[in-house]
Amino acid sequence: MSRRRQATKRPVARDVKYNSTLVSRLVNTVMQCGKKTVAQKIVYGAFDRIAEKNPSANPLDILQRAVDNAKPRLEVKARRVGGATYQVPVEVPADRQFALALRWLVNFADARKGIPMKDALAAEIMEAYQGQGNAIRRRDEVHKMAQANKAFAHFRW
């Protein structure tokens, strides 16, 4: 970490098609090796799949709800005290909650083998929207770890 002032957060540009920073952040999370157009095709294809399955609902609202469902409120961080390392539960800042939720959605969609990424991403978003899926399971695991280590909460710094 720098000893000088803290780096300022740069604003994220809005998405071209949906005019949303949420979609733009999702595209950036999906993107690999700087291939933004490929990532946009994947995300827009996933949105088309979501719109096919739920014609009455807006895909943006579904994505927002899925991300909110997948956000972790607590996590554990390693803290060294007198030669012993403790897993200390800490509250997750809002920007990290958002980043973790998006990362989990994309990573678990990528882990689904045998289907195109746009279909896997659409399925993962829909499952998170319904309160199911791997991203929700991961959030619950993180919360369970924090709950199990609640005794070490006084080591919080």
C-alpha atoms as a PDB file:
ATOM      1  CA  MET A   1       0.000   0.000   0.000  1.00  0.00           C
ATOM      2  CA  SER A   2       1.140   3.492  -0.736  1.00  0.00           C
ATOM      3  CA  ARG A   3       2.252   5.721   2.092  1.00  0.00           C
ATOM      4  CA  ARG A   4       0.856   8.768   0.366  1.00  0.00           C
ATOM      5  CA  ARG A   5      -2.759   9.657  -0.229  1.00  0.00           C
ATOM      6  CA  GLN A   6      -5.246   6.943  -1.083  1.00  0.00           C
ATOM      7  CA  ALA A   7      -6.009   6.481  -4.771  1.00  0.00           C
ATOM      8  CA  THR A   8      -9.314   7.982  -5.851  1.00  0.00           C
ATOM      9  CA  LYS A   9     -12.017   5.783  -7.342  1.00  0.00           C
ATOM     10  CA  ARG A  10     -12.500   6.485 -11.023  1.00  0.00           C
ATOM     11  CA  PRO A  11     -16.079   6.581 -12.302  1.00  0.00           C
ATOM     12  CA  VAL A  12     -17.073   3.620 -14.464  1.00  0.00           C
ATOM     13  CA  ALA A  13     -18.306   4.524 -17.938  1.00  0.00           C
ATOM     14  CA  ARG A  14     -21.914   3.606 -18.668  1.00  0.00           C
ATOM     15  CA  ASP A  15     -22.714   0.745 -21.004  1.00  0.00           C
ATOM     16  CA  VAL A  16     -23.528   1.668 -24.619  1.00  0.00           C
ATOM     17  CA  LYS A  17     -26.576  -0.555 -25.098  1.00  0.00           C
ATOM     18  CA  TYR A  18     -28.256  -0.422 -21.673  1.00  0.00           C
ATOM     19  CA  ASN A  19     -26.786   2.881 -20.379  1.00  0.00           C
ATOM     20  CA  SER A  20     -25.945   1.184 -17.082  1.00  0.00           C
ATOM     21  CA  THR A  21     -22.805   1.113 -14.967  1.00  0.00           C
ATOM     22  CA  LEU A  22     -23.862  -2.303 -13.630  1.00  0.00           C
ATOM     23  CA  VAL A  23     -23.729  -3.852 -17.110  1.00  0.00           C
ATOM     24  CA  SER A  24     -20.436  -2.089 -17.777  1.00  0.00           C
ATOM     25  CA  ARG A  25     -18.925  -3.564 -14.604  1.00  0.00           C
ATOM     26  CA  LEU A  26     -20.211  -7.014 -15.584  1.00  0.00           C
ATOM     27  CA  VAL A  27     -18.647  -6.681 -19.045  1.00  0.00           C
ATOM     28  CA  ASN A  28     -15.333  -5.689 -17.457  1.00  0.00           C
ATOM     29  CA  THR A  29     -15.512  -8.694 -15.121  1.00  0.00           C
ATOM     30  CA  VAL A  30     -16.229 -11.090 -18.004  1.00  0.00           C
ATOM     31  CA  MET A  31     -13.478  -9.560 -20.168  1.00  0.00           C
ATOM     32  CA  GLN A  32     -10.221 -11.483 -20.565  1.00  0.00           C
ATOM     33  CA  CYS A  33      -7.024 -10.242 -22.212  1.00  0.00           C
ATOM     34  CA  GLY A  34      -8.611  -6.874 -23.069  1.00  0.00           C
ATOM     35  CA  LYS A  35     -11.184  -8.382 -25.457  1.00  0.00           C
ATOM     36  CA  LYS A  36     -14.095  -6.140 -24.585  1.00  0.00           C
ATOM     37  CA  THR A  37     -16.212  -6.807 -27.689  1.00  0.00           C
ATOM     38  CA  VAL A  38     -16.135 -10.551 -26.963  1.00  0.00           C
ATOM     39  CA  ALA A  39     -17.197  -9.852 -23.371  1.00  0.00           C
ATOM     40  CA  GLN A  40     -20.002  -7.565 -24.575  1.00  0.00           C
ATOM     41  CA  LYS A  41     -21.300 -10.286 -26.914  1.00  0.00           C
ATOM     42  CA  ILE A  42     -21.341 -12.745 -24.009  1.00  0.00           C
ATOM     43  CA  VAL A  43     -23.166 -10.366 -21.646  1.00  0.00           C
ATOM     44  CA  TYR A  44     -25.667  -9.169 -24.249  1.00  0.00           C
ATOM     45  CA  GLY A  45     -26.297 -12.778 -25.293  1.00  0.00           C
ATOM     46  CA  ALA A  46     -26.930 -13.691 -21.654  1.00  0.00           C
ATOM     47  CA  PHE A  47     -29.378 -10.779 -21.379  1.00  0.00           C
ATOM     48  CA  ASP A  48     -31.182 -12.016 -24.508  1.00  0.00           C
ATOM     49  CA  ARG A  49     -31.489 -15.486 -22.927  1.00  0.00           C
ATOM     50  CA  ILE A  50     -32.856 -13.966 -19.711  1.00  0.00           C
ATOM     51  CA  ALA A  51     -35.365 -11.908 -21.723  1.00  0.00           C
ATOM     52  CA  GLU A  52     -36.476 -15.070 -23.580  1.00  0.00           C
ATOM     53  CA  LYS A  53     -37.080 -16.948 -20.327  1.00  0.00           C
ATOM     54  CA  ASN A  54     -38.779 -13.995 -18.577  1.00  0.00           C
ATOM     55  CA  PRO A  55     -40.482 -11.850 -21.220  1.00  0.00           C
ATOM     56  CA  SER A  56     -42.320  -9.761 -18.623  1.00  0.00           C
ATOM     57  CA  ALA A  57     -39.233  -8.864 -16.537  1.00  0.00           C
ATOM     58  CA  ASN A  58     -36.423  -6.458 -17.371  1.00  0.00           C
ATOM     59  CA  PRO A  59     -33.003  -8.210 -17.576  1.00  0.00           C
ATOM     60  CA  LEU A  60     -31.373  -5.235 -15.807  1.00  0.00           C
ATOM     61  CA  ASP A  61     -33.691  -5.633 -12.814  1.00  0.00           C
ATOM     62  CA  ILE A  62     -32.999  -9.366 -12.718  1.00  0.00           C
ATOM     63  CA  LEU A  63     -29.234  -8.740 -12.774  1.00  0.00           C
ATOM     64  CA  GLN A  64     -29.492  -6.107 -10.022  1.00  0.00           C
ATOM     65  CA  ARG A  65     -31.503  -8.459  -7.803  1.00  0.00           C
ATOM     66  CA  ALA A  66     -29.116 -11.363  -8.511  1.00  0.00           C
ATOM     67  CA  VAL A  67     -26.103  -9.246  -7.535  1.00  0.00           C
ATOM     68  CA  ASP A  68     -27.872  -8.047  -4.375  1.00  0.00           C
ATOM     69  CA  ASN A  69     -28.650 -11.657  -3.438  1.00  0.00           C
ATOM     70  CA  ALA A  70     -25.037 -12.759  -3.996  1.00  0.00           C
ATOM     71  CA  LYS A  71     -23.392  -9.917  -2.034  1.00  0.00           C
ATOM     72  CA  PRO A  72     -21.541 -11.061   1.097  1.00  0.00           C
ATOM     73  CA  ARG A  73     -22.126  -8.916   4.189  1.00  0.00           C
ATOM     74  CA  LEU A  74     -19.291 -10.429   6.271  1.00  0.00           C
ATOM     75  CA  GLU A  75     -16.021 -12.165   5.457  1.00  0.00           C
ATOM     76  CA  VAL A  76     -12.984 -13.394   7.377  1.00  0.00           C
ATOM     77  CA  LYS A  77      -9.516 -11.897   7.182  1.00  0.00           C
ATOM     78  CA  ALA A  78      -6.347 -13.434   8.571  1.00  0.00           C
ATOM     79  CA  ARG A  79      -4.936 -11.527  11.551  1.00  0.00           C
ATOM     80  CA  ARG A  80      -1.662 -12.493  13.201  1.00  0.00           C
ATOM     81  CA  VAL A  81      -1.553 -12.089  16.976  1.00  0.00           C
ATOM     82  CA  GLY A  82       1.436 -13.349  18.948  1.00  0.00           C
ATOM     83  CA  GLY A  83       2.502 -16.078  16.557  1.00  0.00           C
ATOM     84  CA  ALA A  84      -1.016 -17.381  15.966  1.00  0.00           C
ATOM     85  CA  THR A  85      -3.107 -16.548  12.923  1.00  0.00           C
ATOM     86  CA  TYR A  86      -6.802 -15.967  13.550  1.00  0.00           C
ATOM     87  CA  GLN A  87      -9.594 -15.737  11.018  1.00  0.00           C
ATOM     88  CA  VAL A  88     -11.249 -12.489  12.093  1.00  0.00           C
ATOM     89  CA  PRO A  89     -14.753 -11.685  10.800  1.00  0.00           C
ATOM     90  CA  VAL A  90     -15.049  -8.199   9.303  1.00  0.00           C
ATOM     91  CA  GLU A  91     -17.795  -6.310   7.502  1.00  0.00           C
ATOM     92  CA  VAL A  92     -17.307  -6.078   3.750  1.00  0.00           C
ATOM     93  CA  PRO A  93     -17.242  -2.562   2.233  1.00  0.00           C
ATOM     94  CA  ALA A  94     -19.997  -1.866  -0.309  1.00  0.00           C
ATOM     95  CA  ASP A  95     -17.698  -1.681  -3.341  1.00  0.00           C
ATOM     96  CA  ARG A  96     -16.035  -4.991  -2.413  1.00  0.00           C
ATOM     97  CA  GLN A  97     -19.451  -6.630  -1.883  1.00  0.00           C
ATOM     98  CA  PHE A  98     -20.393  -5.617  -5.412  1.00  0.00           C
ATOM     99  CA  ALA A  99     -17.083  -6.775  -6.909  1.00  0.00           C
ATOM    100  CA  LEU A 100     -17.190 -10.146  -5.125  1.00  0.00           C
ATOM    101  CA  ALA A 101     -20.779 -10.805  -6.207  1.00  0.00           C
ATOM    102  CA  LEU A 102     -19.969 -10.088  -9.864  1.00  0.00           C
ATOM    103  CA  ARG A 103     -16.750 -12.118  -9.693  1.00  0.00           C
ATOM    104  CA  TRP A 104     -18.545 -15.122  -8.193  1.00  0.00           C
ATOM    105  CA  LEU A 105     -21.320 -14.982 -10.795  1.00  0.00           C
ATOM    106  CA  VAL A 106     -18.804 -14.885 -13.660  1.00  0.00           C
ATOM    107  CA  ASN A 107     -16.426 -17.501 -12.204  1.00  0.00           C
ATOM    108  CA  PHE A 108     -19.170 -20.022 -11.491  1.00  0.00           C
ATOM    109  CA  ALA A 109     -20.675 -19.429 -14.928  1.00  0.00           C
ATOM    110  CA  ASP A 110     -17.235 -20.059 -16.436  1.00  0.00           C
ATOM    111  CA  ALA A 111     -16.915 -23.276 -14.420  1.00  0.00           C
ATOM    112  CA  ARG A 112     -20.012 -24.730 -16.119  1.00  0.00           C
ATOM    113  CA  LYS A 113     -18.473 -26.831 -18.862  1.00  0.00           C
ATOM    114  CA  GLY A 114     -20.177 -28.012 -22.009  1.00  0.00           C
ATOM    115  CA  ILE A 115     -22.416 -24.994 -22.635  1.00  0.00           C
ATOM    116  CA  PRO A 116     -21.655 -21.587 -24.170  1.00  0.00           C
ATOM    117  CA  MET A 117     -20.596 -18.872 -21.734  1.00  0.00           C
ATOM    118  CA  LYS A 118     -23.614 -16.675 -22.519  1.00  0.00           C
ATOM    119  CA  ASP A 119     -25.981 -19.519 -21.592  1.00  0.00           C
ATOM    120  CA  ALA A 120     -23.986 -20.343 -18.461  1.00  0.00           C
ATOM    121  CA  LEU A 121     -23.943 -16.697 -17.377  1.00  0.00           C
ATOM    122  CA  ALA A 122     -27.684 -16.373 -17.974  1.00  0.00           C
ATOM    123  CA  ALA A 123     -28.328 -19.531 -15.933  1.00  0.00           C
ATOM    124  CA  GLU A 124     -26.101 -18.361 -13.073  1.00  0.00           C
ATOM    125  CA  ILE A 125     -27.783 -14.930 -12.984  1.00  0.00           C
ATOM    126  CA  MET A 126     -31.240 -16.525 -12.996  1.00  0.00           C
ATOM    127  CA  GLU A 127     -30.302 -18.908 -10.178  1.00  0.00           C
ATOM    128  CA  ALA A 128     -28.865 -16.064  -8.091  1.00  0.00           C
ATOM    129  CA  TYR A 129     -32.034 -14.073  -8.796  1.00  0.00           C
ATOM    130  CA  GLN A 130     -34.060 -16.952  -7.349  1.00  0.00           C
ATOM    131  CA  GLY A 131     -31.754 -17.265  -4.316  1.00  0.00           C
ATOM    132  CA  GLN A 132     -30.088 -20.473  -5.507  1.00  0.00           C
ATOM    133  CA  GLY A 133     -26.950 -21.416  -7.412  1.00  0.00           C
ATOM    134  CA  ASN A 134     -23.237 -21.558  -6.760  1.00  0.00           C
ATOM    135  CA  ALA A 135     -22.749 -17.837  -6.093  1.00  0.00           C
ATOM    136  CA  ILE A 136     -25.379 -17.927  -3.337  1.00  0.00           C
ATOM    137  CA  ARG A 137     -23.792 -21.093  -1.928  1.00  0.00           C
ATOM    138  CA  ARG A 138     -20.395 -19.337  -1.881  1.00  0.00           C
ATOM    139  CA  ARG A 139     -21.902 -16.332  -0.067  1.00  0.00           C
ATOM    140  CA  ASP A 140     -23.413 -18.672   2.521  1.00  0.00           C
ATOM    141  CA  GLU A 141     -20.038 -20.406   3.015  1.00  0.00           C
ATOM    142  CA  VAL A 142     -18.344 -17.052   3.615  1.00  0.00           C
ATOM    143  CA  HIS A 143     -21.063 -16.048   6.086  1.00  0.00           C
ATOM    144  CA  LYS A 144     -20.777 -19.414   7.846  1.00  0.00           C
ATOM    145  CA  MET A 145     -16.995 -18.949   8.229  1.00  0.00           C
ATOM    146  CA  ALA A 146     -17.565 -15.494   9.709  1.00  0.00           C
ATOM    147  CA  GLN A 147     -20.186 -16.870  12.100  1.00  0.00           C
ATOM    148  CA  ALA A 148     -17.905 -19.728  13.193  1.00  0.00           C
ATOM    149  CA  ASN A 149     -15.063 -17.306  13.970  1.00  0.00           C
ATOM    150  CA  LYS A 150     -17.206 -14.753  15.785  1.00  0.00           C
ATOM    151  CA  ALA A 151     -15.182 -15.425  18.953  1.00  0.00           C
ATOM    152  CA  PHE A 152     -12.199 -13.673  17.344  1.00  0.00           C
ATOM    153  CA  ALA A 153     -14.153 -10.534  16.434  1.00  0.00           C
ATOM    154  CA  HIS A 154     -12.382  -8.590  19.203  1.00  0.00           C
ATOM    155  CA  PHE A 155      -9.150  -8.841  17.163  1.00  0.00           C
ATOM    156  CA  ARG A 156     -10.716  -6.584  14.544  1.00  0.00           C
ATOM    157  CA  TRP A 157      -8.416  -3.699  13.638  1.00  0.00           C
END
